[in-house]
Amino acid sequence: MSVATAIKLINPNANFVVENNDVTKITWSAGTTPISQSDINAKLSEADALDSEKFTKKQTNRTNAIAKLKALGLTEDEINHLILTA
């Protein structure tokens, strides 16, 4: 997630410019109350954790789907073809 996205999740009305996606290079404008670097970093960490959780769930679902296809009698080649063309 970008620093800008994290800021907008914290304050959807924030006006700012971020240089090079760097949390230390934020220029706040239009009277926006600055958000602390620690709050922005916390939001970034939260997003990373959610992304990791989504990835794990996706991998678990994939593994379960492959096991079900094998139980139905599909070969490895047939399963791989289905995965590549899906």
PDB file of N, CA and C in Angstrom:
ATOM      1  N   MET A   1       0.844  -1.167   0.000  1.00  0.00           N
ATOM      2  CA  MET A   1       0.000   0.000   0.000  1.00  0.00           C
ATOM      3  C   MET A   1       0.893   1.235   0.000  1.00  0.00           C
ATOM      4  N   SER A   2       0.462   2.244  -0.682  1.00  0.00           N
ATOM      5  CA  SER A   2       1.223   3.486  -0.729  1.00  0.00           C
ATOM      6  C   SER A   2       0.967   4.319   0.526  1.00  0.00           C
ATOM      7  N   VAL A   3       1.891   5.220   0.796  1.00  0.00           N
ATOM      8  CA  VAL A   3       1.738   6.145   1.923  1.00  0.00           C
ATOM      9  C   VAL A   3       0.474   6.988   1.711  1.00  0.00           C
ATOM     10  N   ALA A   4       0.243   7.428   0.483  1.00  0.00           N
ATOM     11  CA  ALA A   4      -0.939   8.243   0.190  1.00  0.00           C
ATOM     12  C   ALA A   4      -2.229   7.488   0.501  1.00  0.00           C
ATOM     13  N   THR A   5      -2.279   6.222   0.161  1.00  0.00           N
ATOM     14  CA  THR A   5      -3.475   5.423   0.455  1.00  0.00           C
ATOM     15  C   THR A   5      -3.664   5.278   1.952  1.00  0.00           C
ATOM     16  N   ALA A   6      -2.589   5.045   2.683  1.00  0.00           N
ATOM     17  CA  ALA A   6      -2.682   4.938   4.144  1.00  0.00           C
ATOM     18  C   ALA A   6      -3.226   6.225   4.740  1.00  0.00           C
ATOM     19  N   ILE A   7      -2.733   7.358   4.246  1.00  0.00           N
ATOM     20  CA  ILE A   7      -3.210   8.658   4.748  1.00  0.00           C
ATOM     21  C   ILE A   7      -4.691   8.813   4.460  1.00  0.00           C
ATOM     22  N   LYS A   8      -5.110   8.486   3.256  1.00  0.00           N
ATOM     23  CA  LYS A   8      -6.531   8.629   2.895  1.00  0.00           C
ATOM     24  C   LYS A   8      -7.429   7.684   3.710  1.00  0.00           C
ATOM     25  N   LEU A   9      -6.899   6.542   4.108  1.00  0.00           N
ATOM     26  CA  LEU A   9      -7.679   5.652   4.972  1.00  0.00           C
ATOM     27  C   LEU A   9      -7.850   6.244   6.364  1.00  0.00           C
ATOM     28  N   ILE A  10      -6.833   6.961   6.814  1.00  0.00           N
ATOM     29  CA  ILE A  10      -6.913   7.613   8.125  1.00  0.00           C
ATOM     30  C   ILE A  10      -7.781   8.856   8.051  1.00  0.00           C
ATOM     31  N   ASN A  11      -7.568   9.670   7.012  1.00  0.00           N
ATOM     32  CA  ASN A  11      -8.328  10.918   6.850  1.00  0.00           C
ATOM     33  C   ASN A  11      -8.669  11.099   5.376  1.00  0.00           C
ATOM     34  N   PRO A  12      -9.872  10.697   4.970  1.00  0.00           N
ATOM     35  CA  PRO A  12     -10.265  10.790   3.562  1.00  0.00           C
ATOM     36  C   PRO A  12     -10.245  12.215   3.000  1.00  0.00           C
ATOM     37  N   ASN A  13     -10.291  13.216   3.872  1.00  0.00           N
ATOM     38  CA  ASN A  13     -10.317  14.609   3.422  1.00  0.00           C
ATOM     39  C   ASN A  13      -8.951  15.277   3.447  1.00  0.00           C
ATOM     40  N   ALA A  14      -7.908  14.520   3.742  1.00  0.00           N
ATOM     41  CA  ALA A  14      -6.566  15.097   3.856  1.00  0.00           C
ATOM     42  C   ALA A  14      -6.085  15.637   2.509  1.00  0.00           C
ATOM     43  N   ASN A  15      -5.400  16.786   2.589  1.00  0.00           N
ATOM     44  CA  ASN A  15      -4.753  17.383   1.420  1.00  0.00           C
ATOM     45  C   ASN A  15      -3.256  17.367   1.682  1.00  0.00           C
ATOM     46  N   PHE A  16      -2.505  16.775   0.759  1.00  0.00           N
ATOM     47  CA  PHE A  16      -1.079  16.579   0.990  1.00  0.00           C
ATOM     48  C   PHE A  16      -0.388  16.182  -0.299  1.00  0.00           C
ATOM     49  N   VAL A  17       0.932  16.205  -0.251  1.00  0.00           N
ATOM     50  CA  VAL A  17       1.773  15.685  -1.326  1.00  0.00           C
ATOM     51  C   VAL A  17       2.816  14.806  -0.664  1.00  0.00           C
ATOM     52  N   VAL A  18       3.046  13.618  -1.245  1.00  0.00           N
ATOM     53  CA  VAL A  18       4.060  12.696  -0.729  1.00  0.00           C
ATOM     54  C   VAL A  18       5.129  12.539  -1.801  1.00  0.00           C
ATOM     55  N   GLU A  19       6.386  12.711  -1.411  1.00  0.00           N
ATOM     56  CA  GLU A  19       7.493  12.506  -2.343  1.00  0.00           C
ATOM     57  C   GLU A  19       8.000  11.077  -2.242  1.00  0.00           C
ATOM     58  N   ASN A  20       8.092  10.410  -3.376  1.00  0.00           N
ATOM     59  CA  ASN A  20       8.699   9.071  -3.471  1.00  0.00           C
ATOM     60  C   ASN A  20       8.137   8.055  -2.481  1.00  0.00           C
ATOM     61  N   ASN A  21       6.858   8.176  -2.157  1.00  0.00           N
ATOM     62  CA  ASN A  21       6.208   7.247  -1.228  1.00  0.00           C
ATOM     63  C   ASN A  21       6.957   7.162   0.103  1.00  0.00           C
ATOM     64  N   ASP A  22       7.503   8.291   0.533  1.00  0.00           N
ATOM     65  CA  ASP A  22       8.327   8.371   1.743  1.00  0.00           C
ATOM     66  C   ASP A  22       7.555   9.065   2.854  1.00  0.00           C
ATOM     67  N   VAL A  23       7.322   8.349   3.933  1.00  0.00           N
ATOM     68  CA  VAL A  23       6.532   8.876   5.050  1.00  0.00           C
ATOM     69  C   VAL A  23       7.200  10.093   5.709  1.00  0.00           C
ATOM     70  N   THR A  24       8.480  10.286   5.471  1.00  0.00           N
ATOM     71  CA  THR A  24       9.179  11.445   6.043  1.00  0.00           C
ATOM     72  C   THR A  24       9.126  12.657   5.120  1.00  0.00           C
ATOM     73  N   LYS A  25       8.536  12.496   3.933  1.00  0.00           N
ATOM     74  CA  LYS A  25       8.487  13.585   2.955  1.00  0.00           C
ATOM     75  C   LYS A  25       7.051  13.900   2.552  1.00  0.00           C
ATOM     76  N   ILE A  26       6.282  14.331   3.537  1.00  0.00           N
ATOM     77  CA  ILE A  26       4.877  14.672   3.308  1.00  0.00           C
ATOM     78  C   ILE A  26       4.712  16.162   3.535  1.00  0.00           C
ATOM     79  N   THR A  27       4.079  16.831   2.590  1.00  0.00           N
ATOM     80  CA  THR A  27       3.750  18.241   2.737  1.00  0.00           C
ATOM     81  C   THR A  27       2.238  18.328   2.885  1.00  0.00           C
ATOM     82  N   TRP A  28       1.807  18.809   4.029  1.00  0.00           N
ATOM     83  CA  TRP A  28       0.378  18.930   4.314  1.00  0.00           C
ATOM     84  C   TRP A  28      -0.101  20.280   3.818  1.00  0.00           C
ATOM     85  N   SER A  29      -1.330  20.340   3.288  1.00  0.00           N
ATOM     86  CA  SER A  29      -1.847  21.605   2.754  1.00  0.00           C
ATOM     87  C   SER A  29      -3.317  21.776   3.076  1.00  0.00           C
ATOM     88  N   ALA A  30      -3.816  22.967   2.738  1.00  0.00           N
ATOM     89  CA  ALA A  30      -5.239  23.323   2.893  1.00  0.00           C
ATOM     90  C   ALA A  30      -5.748  23.096   4.313  1.00  0.00           C
ATOM     91  N   GLY A  31      -4.883  23.364   5.284  1.00  0.00           N
ATOM     92  CA  GLY A  31      -5.300  23.269   6.672  1.00  0.00           C
ATOM     93  C   GLY A  31      -5.438  21.861   7.208  1.00  0.00           C
ATOM     94  N   THR A  32      -4.934  20.886   6.490  1.00  0.00           N
ATOM     95  CA  THR A  32      -5.006  19.501   6.960  1.00  0.00           C
ATOM     96  C   THR A  32      -4.110  19.333   8.178  1.00  0.00           C
ATOM     97  N   THR A  33      -4.673  18.777   9.231  1.00  0.00           N
ATOM     98  CA  THR A  33      -3.888  18.469  10.425  1.00  0.00           C
ATOM     99  C   THR A  33      -2.952  17.309  10.087  1.00  0.00           C
ATOM    100  N   PRO A  34      -1.656  17.503  10.277  1.00  0.00           N
ATOM    101  CA  PRO A  34      -0.712  16.425   9.963  1.00  0.00           C
ATOM    102  C   PRO A  34      -1.003  15.144  10.756  1.00  0.00           C
ATOM    103  N   ILE A  35      -0.793  14.033  10.103  1.00  0.00           N
ATOM    104  CA  ILE A  35      -0.936  12.722  10.733  1.00  0.00           C
ATOM    105  C   ILE A  35       0.477  12.267  11.085  1.00  0.00           C
ATOM    106  N   SER A  36       0.649  11.741  12.265  1.00  0.00           N
ATOM    107  CA  SER A  36       1.987  11.334  12.708  1.00  0.00           C
ATOM    108  C   SER A  36       2.533  10.200  11.839  1.00  0.00           C
ATOM    109  N   GLN A  37       3.855  10.175  11.722  1.00  0.00           N
ATOM    110  CA  GLN A  37       4.503   9.100  10.977  1.00  0.00           C
ATOM    111  C   GLN A  37       4.178   7.744  11.597  1.00  0.00           C
ATOM    112  N   SER A  38       4.093   7.705  12.922  1.00  0.00           N
ATOM    113  CA  SER A  38       3.801   6.425  13.580  1.00  0.00           C
ATOM    114  C   SER A  38       2.391   5.939  13.244  1.00  0.00           C
ATOM    115  N   ASP A  39       1.426   6.857  13.141  1.00  0.00           N
ATOM    116  CA  ASP A  39       0.067   6.451  12.759  1.00  0.00           C
ATOM    117  C   ASP A  39       0.023   5.958  11.314  1.00  0.00           C
ATOM    118  N   ILE A  40       0.770   6.630  10.437  1.00  0.00           N
ATOM    119  CA  ILE A  40       0.811   6.204   9.032  1.00  0.00           C
ATOM    120  C   ILE A  40       1.483   4.838   8.924  1.00  0.00           C
ATOM    121  N   ASN A  41       2.598   4.675   9.638  1.00  0.00           N
ATOM    122  CA  ASN A  41       3.298   3.380   9.610  1.00  0.00           C
ATOM    123  C   ASN A  41       2.438   2.264  10.188  1.00  0.00           C
ATOM    124  N   ALA A  42       1.655   2.583  11.215  1.00  0.00           N
ATOM    125  CA  ALA A  42       0.752   1.578  11.797  1.00  0.00           C
ATOM    126  C   ALA A  42      -0.287   1.144  10.768  1.00  0.00           C
ATOM    127  N   LYS A  43      -0.812   2.103  10.009  1.00  0.00           N
ATOM    128  CA  LYS A  43      -1.810   1.782   8.982  1.00  0.00           C
ATOM    129  C   LYS A  43      -1.162   0.940   7.873  1.00  0.00           C
ATOM    130  N   LEU A  44       0.083   1.256   7.518  1.00  0.00           N
ATOM    131  CA  LEU A  44       0.802   0.469   6.515  1.00  0.00           C
ATOM    132  C   LEU A  44       1.020  -0.959   7.004  1.00  0.00           C
ATOM    133  N   SER A  45       1.386  -1.115   8.277  1.00  0.00           N
ATOM    134  CA  SER A  45       1.589  -2.454   8.853  1.00  0.00           C
ATOM    135  C   SER A  45       0.290  -3.241   8.880  1.00  0.00           C
ATOM    136  N   GLU A  46      -0.780  -2.555   9.222  1.00  0.00           N
ATOM    137  CA  GLU A  46      -2.107  -3.191   9.245  1.00  0.00           C
ATOM    138  C   GLU A  46      -2.465  -3.706   7.851  1.00  0.00           C
ATOM    139  N   ALA A  47      -2.192  -2.916   6.839  1.00  0.00           N
ATOM    140  CA  ALA A  47      -2.487  -3.318   5.464  1.00  0.00           C
ATOM    141  C   ALA A  47      -1.623  -4.506   5.049  1.00  0.00           C
ATOM    142  N   ASP A  48      -0.344  -4.492   5.444  1.00  0.00           N
ATOM    143  CA  ASP A  48       0.539  -5.620   5.125  1.00  0.00           C
ATOM    144  C   ASP A  48       0.021  -6.904   5.754  1.00  0.00           C
ATOM    145  N   ALA A  49      -0.458  -6.811   6.988  1.00  0.00           N
ATOM    146  CA  ALA A  49      -0.988  -7.989   7.676  1.00  0.00           C
ATOM    147  C   ALA A  49      -2.228  -8.517   6.952  1.00  0.00           C
ATOM    148  N   LEU A  50      -3.094  -7.608   6.512  1.00  0.00           N
ATOM    149  CA  LEU A  50      -4.294  -8.025   5.776  1.00  0.00           C
ATOM    150  C   LEU A  50      -3.923  -8.666   4.445  1.00  0.00           C
ATOM    151  N   ASP A  51      -2.929  -8.083   3.755  1.00  0.00           N
ATOM    152  CA  ASP A  51      -2.479  -8.659   2.491  1.00  0.00           C
ATOM    153  C   ASP A  51      -1.925 -10.058   2.707  1.00  0.00           C
ATOM    154  N   SER A  52      -1.165 -10.234   3.770  1.00  0.00           N
ATOM    155  CA  SER A  52      -0.593 -11.543   4.080  1.00  0.00           C
ATOM    156  C   SER A  52      -1.701 -12.550   4.385  1.00  0.00           C
ATOM    157  N   GLU A  53      -2.692 -12.100   5.134  1.00  0.00           N
ATOM    158  CA  GLU A  53      -3.829 -12.968   5.482  1.00  0.00           C
ATOM    159  C   GLU A  53      -4.602 -13.375   4.228  1.00  0.00           C
ATOM    160  N   LYS A  54      -4.818 -12.420   3.313  1.00  0.00           N
ATOM    161  CA  LYS A  54      -5.518 -12.718   2.060  1.00  0.00           C
ATOM    162  C   LYS A  54      -4.723 -13.713   1.222  1.00  0.00           C
ATOM    163  N   PHE A  55      -3.401 -13.525   1.170  1.00  0.00           N
ATOM    164  CA  PHE A  55      -2.545 -14.426   0.404  1.00  0.00           C
ATOM    165  C   PHE A  55      -2.627 -15.837   0.973  1.00  0.00           C
ATOM    166  N   THR A  56      -2.545 -15.960   2.297  1.00  0.00           N
ATOM    167  CA  THR A  56      -2.608 -17.269   2.944  1.00  0.00           C
ATOM    168  C   THR A  56      -3.945 -17.943   2.657  1.00  0.00           C
ATOM    169  N   LYS A  57      -5.025 -17.173   2.731  1.00  0.00           N
ATOM    170  CA  LYS A  57      -6.348 -17.728   2.465  1.00  0.00           C
ATOM    171  C   LYS A  57      -6.452 -18.187   1.010  1.00  0.00           C
ATOM    172  N   LYS A  58      -5.897 -17.390   0.102  1.00  0.00           N
ATOM    173  CA  LYS A  58      -5.931 -17.747  -1.319  1.00  0.00           C
ATOM    174  C   LYS A  58      -5.151 -19.038  -1.565  1.00  0.00           C
ATOM    175  N   GLN A  59      -3.989 -19.172  -0.936  1.00  0.00           N
ATOM    176  CA  GLN A  59      -3.186 -20.379  -1.096  1.00  0.00           C
ATOM    177  C   GLN A  59      -3.902 -21.599  -0.510  1.00  0.00           C
ATOM    178  N   THR A  60      -4.543 -21.425   0.641  1.00  0.00           N
ATOM    179  CA  THR A  60      -5.290 -22.516   1.266  1.00  0.00           C
ATOM    180  C   THR A  60      -6.448 -22.945   0.367  1.00  0.00           C
ATOM    181  N   ASN A  61      -7.165 -21.973  -0.187  1.00  0.00           N
ATOM    182  CA  ASN A  61      -8.273 -22.290  -1.094  1.00  0.00           C
ATOM    183  C   ASN A  61      -7.774 -23.034  -2.331  1.00  0.00           C
ATOM    184  N   ARG A  62      -6.620 -22.615  -2.856  1.00  0.00           N
ATOM    185  CA  ARG A  62      -6.042 -23.267  -4.031  1.00  0.00           C
ATOM    186  C   ARG A  62      -5.686 -24.718  -3.707  1.00  0.00           C
ATOM    187  N   THR A  63      -5.033 -24.923  -2.578  1.00  0.00           N
ATOM    188  CA  THR A  63      -4.648 -26.280  -2.164  1.00  0.00           C
ATOM    189  C   THR A  63      -5.882 -27.159  -1.991  1.00  0.00           C
ATOM    190  N   ASN A  64      -6.915 -26.624  -1.368  1.00  0.00           N
ATOM    191  CA  ASN A  64      -8.160 -27.378  -1.169  1.00  0.00           C
ATOM    192  C   ASN A  64      -8.827 -27.705  -2.503  1.00  0.00           C
ATOM    193  N   ALA A  65      -8.822 -26.753  -3.418  1.00  0.00           N
ATOM    194  CA  ALA A  65      -9.435 -26.988  -4.731  1.00  0.00           C
ATOM    195  C   ALA A  65      -8.697 -28.091  -5.488  1.00  0.00           C
ATOM    196  N   ILE A  66      -7.360 -28.068  -5.435  1.00  0.00           N
ATOM    197  CA  ILE A  66      -6.570 -29.104  -6.109  1.00  0.00           C
ATOM    198  C   ILE A  66      -6.866 -30.477  -5.509  1.00  0.00           C
ATOM    199  N   ALA A  67      -6.962 -30.541  -4.189  1.00  0.00           N
ATOM    200  CA  ALA A  67      -7.265 -31.816  -3.528  1.00  0.00           C
ATOM    201  C   ALA A  67      -8.640 -32.333  -3.957  1.00  0.00           C
ATOM    202  N   LYS A  68      -9.603 -31.437  -4.090  1.00  0.00           N
ATOM    203  CA  LYS A  68     -10.947 -31.849  -4.517  1.00  0.00           C
ATOM    204  C   LYS A  68     -10.943 -32.343  -5.965  1.00  0.00           C
ATOM    205  N   LEU A  69     -10.170 -31.656  -6.814  1.00  0.00           N
ATOM    206  CA  LEU A  69     -10.080 -32.093  -8.214  1.00  0.00           C
ATOM    207  C   LEU A  69      -9.420 -33.465  -8.316  1.00  0.00           C
ATOM    208  N   LYS A  70      -8.396 -33.699  -7.511  1.00  0.00           N
ATOM    209  CA  LYS A  70      -7.742 -35.012  -7.491  1.00  0.00           C
ATOM    210  C   LYS A  70      -8.716 -36.081  -7.010  1.00  0.00           C
ATOM    211  N   ALA A  71      -9.529 -35.736  -6.009  1.00  0.00           N
ATOM    212  CA  ALA A  71     -10.512 -36.683  -5.485  1.00  0.00           C
ATOM    213  C   ALA A  71     -11.558 -37.030  -6.546  1.00  0.00           C
ATOM    214  N   LEU A  72     -11.780 -36.125  -7.479  1.00  0.00           N
ATOM    215  CA  LEU A  72     -12.716 -36.381  -8.573  1.00  0.00           C
ATOM    216  C   LEU A  72     -12.080 -37.206  -9.696  1.00  0.00           C
ATOM    217  N   GLY A  73     -10.768 -37.460  -9.574  1.00  0.00           N
ATOM    218  CA  GLY A  73     -10.095 -38.305 -10.547  1.00  0.00           C
ATOM    219  C   GLY A  73      -9.318 -37.560 -11.616  1.00  0.00           C
ATOM    220  N   LEU A  74      -9.185 -36.242 -11.516  1.00  0.00           N
ATOM    221  CA  LEU A  74      -8.413 -35.508 -12.502  1.00  0.00           C
ATOM    222  C   LEU A  74      -6.924 -35.763 -12.299  1.00  0.00           C
ATOM    223  N   THR A  75      -6.191 -35.779 -13.403  1.00  0.00           N
ATOM    224  CA  THR A  75      -4.747 -35.981 -13.331  1.00  0.00           C
ATOM    225  C   THR A  75      -4.058 -34.640 -13.048  1.00  0.00           C
ATOM    226  N   GLU A  76      -2.767 -34.733 -12.713  1.00  0.00           N
ATOM    227  CA  GLU A  76      -1.978 -33.510 -12.473  1.00  0.00           C
ATOM    228  C   GLU A  76      -1.989 -32.618 -13.721  1.00  0.00           C
ATOM    229  N   ASP A  77      -1.843 -33.235 -14.892  1.00  0.00           N
ATOM    230  CA  ASP A  77      -1.835 -32.468 -16.137  1.00  0.00           C
ATOM    231  C   ASP A  77      -3.168 -31.755 -16.355  1.00  0.00           C
ATOM    232  N   GLU A  78      -4.251 -32.451 -16.099  1.00  0.00           N
ATOM    233  CA  GLU A  78      -5.579 -31.828 -16.275  1.00  0.00           C
ATOM    234  C   GLU A  78      -5.761 -30.679 -15.287  1.00  0.00           C
ATOM    235  N   ILE A  79      -5.337 -30.890 -14.069  1.00  0.00           N
ATOM    236  CA  ILE A  79      -5.461 -29.833 -13.042  1.00  0.00           C
ATOM    237  C   ILE A  79      -4.609 -28.626 -13.423  1.00  0.00           C
ATOM    238  N   ASN A  80      -3.366 -28.885 -13.840  1.00  0.00           N
ATOM    239  CA  ASN A  80      -2.481 -27.783 -14.247  1.00  0.00           C
ATOM    240  C   ASN A  80      -3.059 -27.008 -15.411  1.00  0.00           C
ATOM    241  N   HIS A  81      -3.679 -27.713 -16.354  1.00  0.00           N
ATOM    242  CA  HIS A  81      -4.301 -27.047 -17.495  1.00  0.00           C
ATOM    243  C   HIS A  81      -5.454 -26.148 -17.023  1.00  0.00           C
ATOM    244  N   LEU A  82      -6.246 -26.662 -16.120  1.00  0.00           N
ATOM    245  CA  LEU A  82      -7.358 -25.848 -15.593  1.00  0.00           C
ATOM    246  C   LEU A  82      -6.828 -24.598 -14.886  1.00  0.00           C
ATOM    247  N   ILE A  83      -5.778 -24.745 -14.113  1.00  0.00           N
ATOM    248  CA  ILE A  83      -5.225 -23.609 -13.375  1.00  0.00           C
ATOM    249  C   ILE A  83      -4.632 -22.584 -14.324  1.00  0.00           C
ATOM    250  N   LEU A  84      -3.934 -23.051 -15.354  1.00  0.00           N
ATOM    251  CA  LEU A  84      -3.295 -22.128 -16.287  1.00  0.00           C
ATOM    252  C   LEU A  84      -4.289 -21.400 -17.171  1.00  0.00           C
ATOM    253  N   THR A  85      -5.430 -22.005 -17.446  1.00  0.00           N
ATOM    254  CA  THR A  85      -6.412 -21.380 -18.344  1.00  0.00           C
ATOM    255  C   THR A  85      -7.515 -20.650 -17.586  1.00  0.00           C
ATOM    256  N   ALA A  86      -7.489 -20.716 -16.270  1.00  0.00           N
ATOM    257  CA  ALA A  86      -8.542 -20.066 -15.477  1.00  0.00           C
ATOM    258  C   ALA A  86      -8.295 -18.592 -15.344  1.00  0.00           C
TER     259      ALA A  86
END
